[in-house]
C-alpha atoms as a PDB file:
ATOM      1  CA  UNK A   1     -33.986  21.738   1.115  1.00  0.00           C
ATOM      2  CA  UNK A   2     -35.166  21.322   4.154  1.00  0.00           C
ATOM      3  CA  UNK A   3     -32.178  19.705   5.532  1.00  0.00           C
ATOM      4  CA  UNK A   4     -29.728  22.512   4.966  1.00  0.00           C
ATOM      5  CA  UNK A   5     -32.218  24.891   6.895  1.00  0.00           C
ATOM      6  CA  UNK A   6     -32.440  22.380   9.467  1.00  0.00           C
ATOM      7  CA  UNK A   7     -28.583  21.285   9.681  1.00  0.00           C
ATOM      8  CA  UNK A   8     -25.567  21.332   7.516  1.00  0.00           C
ATOM      9  CA  UNK A   9     -25.589  18.492   4.593  1.00  0.00           C
ATOM     10  CA  UNK A  10     -22.703  16.528   6.083  1.00  0.00           C
ATOM     11  CA  UNK A  11     -19.969  15.140   3.637  1.00  0.00           C
ATOM     12  CA  UNK A  12     -18.840  12.222   5.861  1.00  0.00           C
ATOM     13  CA  UNK A  13     -22.631  10.346   5.238  1.00  0.00           C
ATOM     14  CA  UNK A  14     -22.790   7.807   2.720  1.00  0.00           C
ATOM     15  CA  UNK A  15     -24.875   4.436   2.865  1.00  0.00           C
ATOM     16  CA  UNK A  16     -25.992   4.511   5.795  1.00  0.00           C
ATOM     17  CA  UNK A  17     -22.093   5.443   7.036  1.00  0.00           C
ATOM     18  CA  UNK A  18     -20.024   7.648   9.075  1.00  0.00           C
ATOM     19  CA  UNK A  19     -16.968   7.963   6.772  1.00  0.00           C
ATOM     20  CA  UNK A  20     -15.687  10.115   9.602  1.00  0.00           C
ATOM     21  CA  UNK A  21     -15.405   7.383  12.027  1.00  0.00           C
ATOM     22  CA  UNK A  22     -12.692   4.865  12.403  1.00  0.00           C
ATOM     23  CA  UNK A  23     -14.595   1.799  12.368  1.00  0.00           C
ATOM     24  CA  UNK A  24     -16.815   3.066   9.573  1.00  0.00           C
ATOM     25  CA  UNK A  25     -19.582   2.954  11.439  1.00  0.00           C
ATOM     26  CA  UNK A  26     -24.017   2.606  10.587  1.00  0.00           C
ATOM     27  CA  UNK A  27     -25.765   6.139  11.797  1.00  0.00           C
ATOM     28  CA  UNK A  28     -28.360   7.141  11.657  1.00  0.00           C
ATOM     29  CA  UNK A  29     -28.484  11.479  10.436  1.00  0.00           C
ATOM     30  CA  UNK A  30     -29.235  10.588   6.323  1.00  0.00           C
ATOM     31  CA  UNK A  31     -27.021  13.590   5.588  1.00  0.00           C
ATOM     32  CA  UNK A  32     -28.172  15.914   8.208  1.00  0.00           C
ATOM     33  CA  UNK A  33     -25.690  17.392  10.187  1.00  0.00           C
ATOM     34  CA  UNK A  34     -28.497  18.020  13.019  1.00  0.00           C
ATOM     35  CA  UNK A  35     -29.304  14.338  13.193  1.00  0.00           C
ATOM     36  CA  UNK A  36     -25.303  13.533  13.727  1.00  0.00           C
ATOM     37  CA  UNK A  37     -24.994   9.724  16.009  1.00  0.00           C
ATOM     38  CA  UNK A  38     -21.039  10.954  16.949  1.00  0.00           C
ATOM     39  CA  UNK A  39     -20.281  14.469  16.886  1.00  0.00           C
ATOM     40  CA  UNK A  40     -22.519  17.176  19.238  1.00  0.00           C
ATOM     41  CA  UNK A  41     -20.767  19.918  17.311  1.00  0.00           C
ATOM     42  CA  UNK A  42     -22.263  18.684  14.586  1.00  0.00           C
ATOM     43  CA  UNK A  43     -26.126  18.378  15.869  1.00  0.00           C
ATOM     44  CA  UNK A  44     -25.584  22.024  17.750  1.00  0.00           C
ATOM     45  CA  UNK A  45     -25.208  23.015  13.785  1.00  0.00           C
ATOM     46  CA  UNK A  46     -21.294  24.290  14.737  1.00  0.00           C
ATOM     47  CA  UNK A  47     -19.236  25.199  12.087  1.00  0.00           C
ATOM     48  CA  UNK A  48     -16.399  22.852  11.435  1.00  0.00           C
ATOM     49  CA  UNK A  49     -13.261  23.897  13.182  1.00  0.00           C
ATOM     50  CA  UNK A  50      -9.699  23.371  11.909  1.00  0.00           C
ATOM     51  CA  UNK A  51     -10.004  20.844  14.699  1.00  0.00           C
ATOM     52  CA  UNK A  52     -12.535  18.633  13.961  1.00  0.00           C
ATOM     53  CA  UNK A  53     -12.171  18.357  10.398  1.00  0.00           C
ATOM     54  CA  UNK A  54      -8.437  17.043  11.532  1.00  0.00           C
ATOM     55  CA  UNK A  55      -9.623  14.759  13.099  1.00  0.00           C
ATOM     56  CA  UNK A  56     -12.189  13.675  10.536  1.00  0.00           C
ATOM     57  CA  UNK A  57      -9.300  13.584   8.052  1.00  0.00           C
ATOM     58  CA  UNK A  58      -7.178  11.691  11.477  1.00  0.00           C
ATOM     59  CA  UNK A  59     -10.003   8.716  11.168  1.00  0.00           C
ATOM     60  CA  UNK A  60     -10.794   8.420   7.394  1.00  0.00           C
ATOM     61  CA  UNK A  61      -6.476   8.400   6.857  1.00  0.00           C
ATOM     62  CA  UNK A  62      -6.379   5.110   9.808  1.00  0.00           C
ATOM     63  CA  UNK A  63      -9.727   3.455   7.826  1.00  0.00           C
ATOM     64  CA  UNK A  64      -7.210   3.602   4.651  1.00  0.00           C
ATOM     65  CA  UNK A  65      -3.921   2.739   6.168  1.00  0.00           C
ATOM     66  CA  UNK A  66      -5.600   0.018   8.121  1.00  0.00           C
ATOM     67  CA  UNK A  67      -7.139  -1.871   5.311  1.00  0.00           C
ATOM     68  CA  UNK A  68      -4.021  -0.979   2.769  1.00  0.00           C
ATOM     69  CA  UNK A  69      -1.694  -1.807   5.565  1.00  0.00           C
ATOM     70  CA  UNK A  70      -3.452  -5.785   5.891  1.00  0.00           C
ATOM     71  CA  UNK A  71      -3.432  -5.718   2.206  1.00  0.00           C
ATOM     72  CA  UNK A  72       0.363  -4.940   2.329  1.00  0.00           C
ATOM     73  CA  UNK A  73       1.024  -8.077   5.008  1.00  0.00           C
ATOM     74  CA  UNK A  74      -1.469 -10.716   2.752  1.00  0.00           C
ATOM     75  CA  UNK A  75       0.680 -10.344   0.109  1.00  0.00           C
ATOM     76  CA  UNK A  76       4.213  -9.323   1.360  1.00  0.00           C
ATOM     77  CA  UNK A  77       4.404 -11.411   4.474  1.00  0.00           C
ATOM     78  CA  UNK A  78       6.971 -13.419   2.787  1.00  0.00           C
ATOM     79  CA  UNK A  79       9.323 -11.054   0.919  1.00  0.00           C
ATOM     80  CA  UNK A  80       9.110  -8.981   4.481  1.00  0.00           C
ATOM     81  CA  UNK A  81      10.080 -12.425   6.234  1.00  0.00           C
ATOM     82  CA  UNK A  82      13.187 -13.118   4.306  1.00  0.00           C
ATOM     83  CA  UNK A  83      14.579  -9.415   4.248  1.00  0.00           C
ATOM     84  CA  UNK A  84      13.961  -9.466   7.948  1.00  0.00           C
ATOM     85  CA  UNK A  85      15.745 -12.446   8.349  1.00  0.00           C
ATOM     86  CA  UNK A  86      18.167 -11.711   6.117  1.00  0.00           C
ATOM     87  CA  UNK A  87      18.623  -8.304   8.410  1.00  0.00           C
ATOM     88  CA  UNK A  88      19.298 -10.381  11.183  1.00  0.00           C
ATOM     89  CA  UNK A  89      21.772 -12.788   9.833  1.00  0.00           C
ATOM     90  CA  UNK A  90      23.942  -9.820   9.333  1.00  0.00           C
ATOM     91  CA  UNK A  91      23.430  -7.623  11.903  1.00  0.00           C
ATOM     92  CA  UNK A  92      24.493 -10.811  14.496  1.00  0.00           C
ATOM     93  CA  UNK A  93      27.032 -12.340  12.545  1.00  0.00           C
ATOM     94  CA  UNK A  94      28.177  -9.958  10.149  1.00  0.00           C
ATOM     95  CA  UNK A  95      28.673 -12.180   6.976  1.00  0.00           C
ATOM     96  CA  UNK A  96      26.519 -14.610   5.391  1.00  0.00           C
ATOM     97  CA  UNK A  97      28.521 -18.102   3.739  1.00  0.00           C
ATOM     98  CA  UNK A  98      28.441 -19.133   0.806  1.00  0.00           C
ATOM     99  CA  UNK A  99      25.750 -21.417   1.481  1.00  0.00           C
ATOM    100  CA  UNK A 100      23.307 -18.953   2.987  1.00  0.00           C
ATOM    101  CA  UNK A 101      23.960 -16.404  -0.090  1.00  0.00           C
ATOM    102  CA  UNK A 102      23.579 -19.697  -2.283  1.00  0.00           C
ATOM    103  CA  UNK A 103      19.939 -20.067   0.126  1.00  0.00           C
ATOM    104  CA  UNK A 104      18.981 -16.467  -0.444  1.00  0.00           C
ATOM    105  CA  UNK A 105      18.910 -15.884  -3.738  1.00  0.00           C
ATOM    106  CA  UNK A 106      16.535 -18.677  -5.067  1.00  0.00           C
ATOM    107  CA  UNK A 107      13.753 -18.272  -2.076  1.00  0.00           C
ATOM    108  CA  UNK A 108      14.590 -14.250  -2.609  1.00  0.00           C
ATOM    109  CA  UNK A 109      14.167 -14.642  -6.289  1.00  0.00           C
ATOM    110  CA  UNK A 110      11.499 -17.076  -5.731  1.00  0.00           C
ATOM    111  CA  UNK A 111       9.445 -14.930  -3.347  1.00  0.00           C
ATOM    112  CA  UNK A 112      10.181 -11.833  -6.122  1.00  0.00           C
ATOM    113  CA  UNK A 113       8.080 -14.298  -8.296  1.00  0.00           C
ATOM    114  CA  UNK A 114       4.924 -14.418  -6.861  1.00  0.00           C
ATOM    115  CA  UNK A 115       5.163 -11.126  -4.872  1.00  0.00           C
ATOM    116  CA  UNK A 116       5.496  -9.742  -8.118  1.00  0.00           C
ATOM    117  CA  UNK A 117       2.470 -11.619  -9.584  1.00  0.00           C
ATOM    118  CA  UNK A 118       0.157 -10.684  -6.664  1.00  0.00           C
ATOM    119  CA  UNK A 119       1.235  -6.335  -7.282  1.00  0.00           C
ATOM    120  CA  UNK A 120      -0.561  -7.350 -10.913  1.00  0.00           C
ATOM    121  CA  UNK A 121      -3.362  -8.415  -9.503  1.00  0.00           C
ATOM    122  CA  UNK A 122      -3.534  -4.879  -7.907  1.00  0.00           C
ATOM    123  CA  UNK A 123      -3.287  -2.987 -10.412  1.00  0.00           C
ATOM    124  CA  UNK A 124      -5.920  -5.136 -12.053  1.00  0.00           C
ATOM    125  CA  UNK A 125      -8.324  -3.894  -9.051  1.00  0.00           C
ATOM    126  CA  UNK A 126      -6.970  -0.666  -8.997  1.00  0.00           C
ATOM    127  CA  UNK A 127      -8.005   0.086 -12.308  1.00  0.00           C
ATOM    128  CA  UNK A 128     -11.548  -1.846 -12.005  1.00  0.00           C
ATOM    129  CA  UNK A 129     -11.907   0.269  -9.232  1.00  0.00           C
ATOM    130  CA  UNK A 130     -11.796   3.442 -11.424  1.00  0.00           C
ATOM    131  CA  UNK A 131     -14.078   2.016 -13.879  1.00  0.00           C
ATOM    132  CA  UNK A 132     -16.856   1.955 -11.658  1.00  0.00           C
ATOM    133  CA  UNK A 133     -16.083   4.775  -9.331  1.00  0.00           C
ATOM    134  CA  UNK A 134     -16.021   6.903 -13.416  1.00  0.00           C
ATOM    135  CA  UNK A 135     -19.885   4.734 -13.806  1.00  0.00           C
ATOM    136  CA  UNK A 136     -20.619   5.963 -10.330  1.00  0.00           C
ATOM    137  CA  UNK A 137     -19.376   9.288 -11.162  1.00  0.00           C
ATOM    138  CA  UNK A 138     -20.934  10.047 -14.573  1.00  0.00           C
ATOM    139  CA  UNK A 139     -24.558   8.428 -13.230  1.00  0.00           C
ATOM    140  CA  UNK A 140     -24.789  10.950 -10.676  1.00  0.00           C
ATOM    141  CA  UNK A 141     -23.424  13.778 -12.545  1.00  0.00           C
ATOM    142  CA  UNK A 142     -25.890  13.244 -15.345  1.00  0.00           C
ATOM    143  CA  UNK A 143     -29.213  12.019 -13.639  1.00  0.00           C
ATOM    144  CA  UNK A 144     -30.085  15.182 -11.664  1.00  0.00           C
ATOM    145  CA  UNK A 145     -30.710  18.908 -12.239  1.00  0.00           C
ATOM    146  CA  UNK A 146     -28.736  21.635 -11.313  1.00  0.00           C
ATOM    147  CA  UNK A 147     -25.763  24.058 -12.322  1.00  0.00           C
ATOM    148  CA  UNK A 148     -22.620  22.507 -13.177  1.00  0.00           C
ATOM    149  CA  UNK A 149     -21.117  22.811  -9.616  1.00  0.00           C
ATOM    150  CA  UNK A 150     -23.914  21.483  -8.175  1.00  0.00           C
ATOM    151  CA  UNK A 151     -24.286  18.283 -10.602  1.00  0.00           C
ATOM    152  CA  UNK A 152     -20.316  18.453 -10.175  1.00  0.00           C
ATOM    153  CA  UNK A 153     -20.202  18.316  -6.028  1.00  0.00           C
ATOM    154  CA  UNK A 154     -23.457  15.278  -5.996  1.00  0.00           C
ATOM    155  CA  UNK A 155     -21.740  13.137  -8.046  1.00  0.00           C
ATOM    156  CA  UNK A 156     -18.495  13.366  -5.723  1.00  0.00           C
ATOM    157  CA  UNK A 157     -20.846  12.614  -3.112  1.00  0.00           C
ATOM    158  CA  UNK A 158     -22.349   9.580  -5.202  1.00  0.00           C
ATOM    159  CA  UNK A 159     -18.861   8.120  -5.650  1.00  0.00           C
ATOM    160  CA  UNK A 160     -17.244   9.577  -2.242  1.00  0.00           C
ATOM    161  CA  UNK A 161     -17.090   4.956  -1.449  1.00  0.00           C
ATOM    162  CA  UNK A 162     -15.411   4.237  -4.610  1.00  0.00           C
ATOM    163  CA  UNK A 163     -12.823   7.127  -4.000  1.00  0.00           C
ATOM    164  CA  UNK A 164     -11.937   5.900  -0.573  1.00  0.00           C
ATOM    165  CA  UNK A 165     -11.307   2.430  -2.314  1.00  0.00           C
ATOM    166  CA  UNK A 166      -9.572   3.093  -5.473  1.00  0.00           C
ATOM    167  CA  UNK A 167      -7.144   5.611  -2.283  1.00  0.00           C
ATOM    168  CA  UNK A 168      -7.092   1.992  -0.684  1.00  0.00           C
ATOM    169  CA  UNK A 169      -5.662  -0.252  -3.358  1.00  0.00           C
ATOM    170  CA  UNK A 170      -3.866   2.530  -5.369  1.00  0.00           C
ATOM    171  CA  UNK A 171      -1.635   3.166  -1.780  1.00  0.00           C
ATOM    172  CA  UNK A 172      -1.505  -0.393  -0.961  1.00  0.00           C
ATOM    173  CA  UNK A 173      -0.048  -1.052  -5.044  1.00  0.00           C
ATOM    174  CA  UNK A 174       2.754   1.555  -4.345  1.00  0.00           C
ATOM    175  CA  UNK A 175       3.729   0.037  -0.471  1.00  0.00           C
ATOM    176  CA  UNK A 176       3.980  -3.571  -3.007  1.00  0.00           C
ATOM    177  CA  UNK A 177       5.393  -1.997  -5.783  1.00  0.00           C
ATOM    178  CA  UNK A 178       8.239  -0.182  -3.067  1.00  0.00           C
ATOM    179  CA  UNK A 179       8.920  -3.807  -1.522  1.00  0.00           C
ATOM    180  CA  UNK A 180       9.399  -5.510  -4.467  1.00  0.00           C
ATOM    181  CA  UNK A 181      11.272  -3.061  -5.658  1.00  0.00           C
ATOM    182  CA  UNK A 182      13.690  -3.228  -2.917  1.00  0.00           C
ATOM    183  CA  UNK A 183      13.750  -7.255  -2.989  1.00  0.00           C
ATOM    184  CA  UNK A 184      15.645  -7.045  -6.514  1.00  0.00           C
ATOM    185  CA  UNK A 185      17.468  -4.243  -5.039  1.00  0.00           C
ATOM    186  CA  UNK A 186      18.507  -7.188  -2.077  1.00  0.00           C
ATOM    187  CA  UNK A 187      18.253  -9.804  -4.754  1.00  0.00           C
ATOM    188  CA  UNK A 188      20.944  -7.658  -6.935  1.00  0.00           C
ATOM    189  CA  UNK A 189      23.447  -7.266  -4.043  1.00  0.00           C
ATOM    190  CA  UNK A 190      23.271 -11.099  -3.447  1.00  0.00           C
ATOM    191  CA  UNK A 191      24.069 -11.593  -6.520  1.00  0.00           C
ATOM    192  CA  UNK A 192      27.418  -8.878  -6.635  1.00  0.00           C
ATOM    193  CA  UNK A 193      28.418 -10.669  -3.656  1.00  0.00           C
ATOM    194  CA  UNK A 194      28.430 -14.359  -5.377  1.00  0.00           C
ATOM    195  CA  UNK A 195      30.463 -13.313  -7.824  1.00  0.00           C
ATOM    196  CA  UNK A 196      33.088 -11.679  -5.902  1.00  0.00           C
ATOM    197  CA  UNK A 197      33.342 -14.808  -3.995  1.00  0.00           C
ATOM    198  CA  UNK A 198      33.284 -16.638  -7.204  1.00  0.00           C
ATOM    199  CA  UNK A 199      36.434 -14.483  -9.364  1.00  0.00           C
ATOM    200  CA  UNK A 200      38.436 -14.404  -5.704  1.00  0.00           C
ATOM    201  CA  UNK A 201      37.811 -18.356  -5.878  1.00  0.00           C
ATOM    202  CA  UNK A 202      39.393 -18.241  -9.466  1.00  0.00           C
ATOM    203  CA  UNK A 203      42.312 -15.626  -8.432  1.00  0.00           C
ATOM    204  CA  UNK A 204      42.756 -18.193  -5.508  1.00  0.00           C
ATOM    205  CA  UNK A 205      42.727 -21.027  -7.509  1.00  0.00           C
ATOM    206  CA  UNK A 206      44.780 -20.196 -10.429  1.00  0.00           C
ATOM    207  CA  UNK A 207      47.749 -19.041  -8.265  1.00  0.00           C
ATOM    208  CA  UNK A 208      47.806 -21.615  -7.002  1.00  0.00           C
ATOM    209  CA  UNK A 209      48.099 -24.133 -10.370  1.00  0.00           C
ATOM    210  CA  UNK A 210      50.234 -22.040 -10.332  1.00  0.00           C
ATOM    211  CA  UNK A 211      52.706 -22.245  -8.221  1.00  0.00           C
ATOM    212  CA  UNK A 212      52.091 -25.504  -8.130  1.00  0.00           C
ATOM    213  CA  UNK A 213      53.034 -26.152 -12.005  1.00  0.00           C
ATOM    214  CA  UNK A 214      56.446 -23.690 -10.839  1.00  0.00           C
ATOM    215  CA  UNK A 215      57.637 -26.345  -8.531  1.00  0.00           C
ATOM    216  CA  UNK A 216      57.144 -29.492 -10.656  1.00  0.00           C
ATOM    217  CA  UNK A 217      59.432 -27.789 -13.398  1.00  0.00           C
ATOM    218  CA  UNK A 218      62.223 -27.130 -10.799  1.00  0.00           C
ATOM    219  CA  UNK A 219      61.889 -30.183 -10.106  1.00  0.00           C
END
């Protein structure tokens, strides 16, 4: 308990790294705030202010968001590019030709096939991470002595890296899922436009045939 007397236990320290820094940098404090490598207020044994906590939250959330965005880009780049190109065509021309419409339907269906597969892969990784986190949590909880609250706190700290990794996969899965759902909405919209044009063409042809038959009968 010497570290508690000399300085508070740092909640950001995990396996030799500081989770409170944007790049999760190597730290030599060993969990003792009085030996913090990055924040003077911790070394001076000052109680964290609301601003300190908010800064810590911002740093950790920025790390999660950066990694999550990179994964989303990896799995959804083709879908993002397609949606951007379609948006540019509609914005620039105000309409889409029949040839562009047919190509868009085929291309989007193909993209959604592979993106949906990537979404399922992310789901598997998320489930695996949950299992690993639970294993680390239970081992840490059962390995030490103390009250139930002490064991729980120790287990949560031990599984902190796994918790952050799980948060990354969870956020990534949700983002990819939203993009896939939006892709299917776009696909359905394109199909509706195609079906409407086909119906209009059939109606126009039937009217033309009807008029042609009328002319022939009068002759």
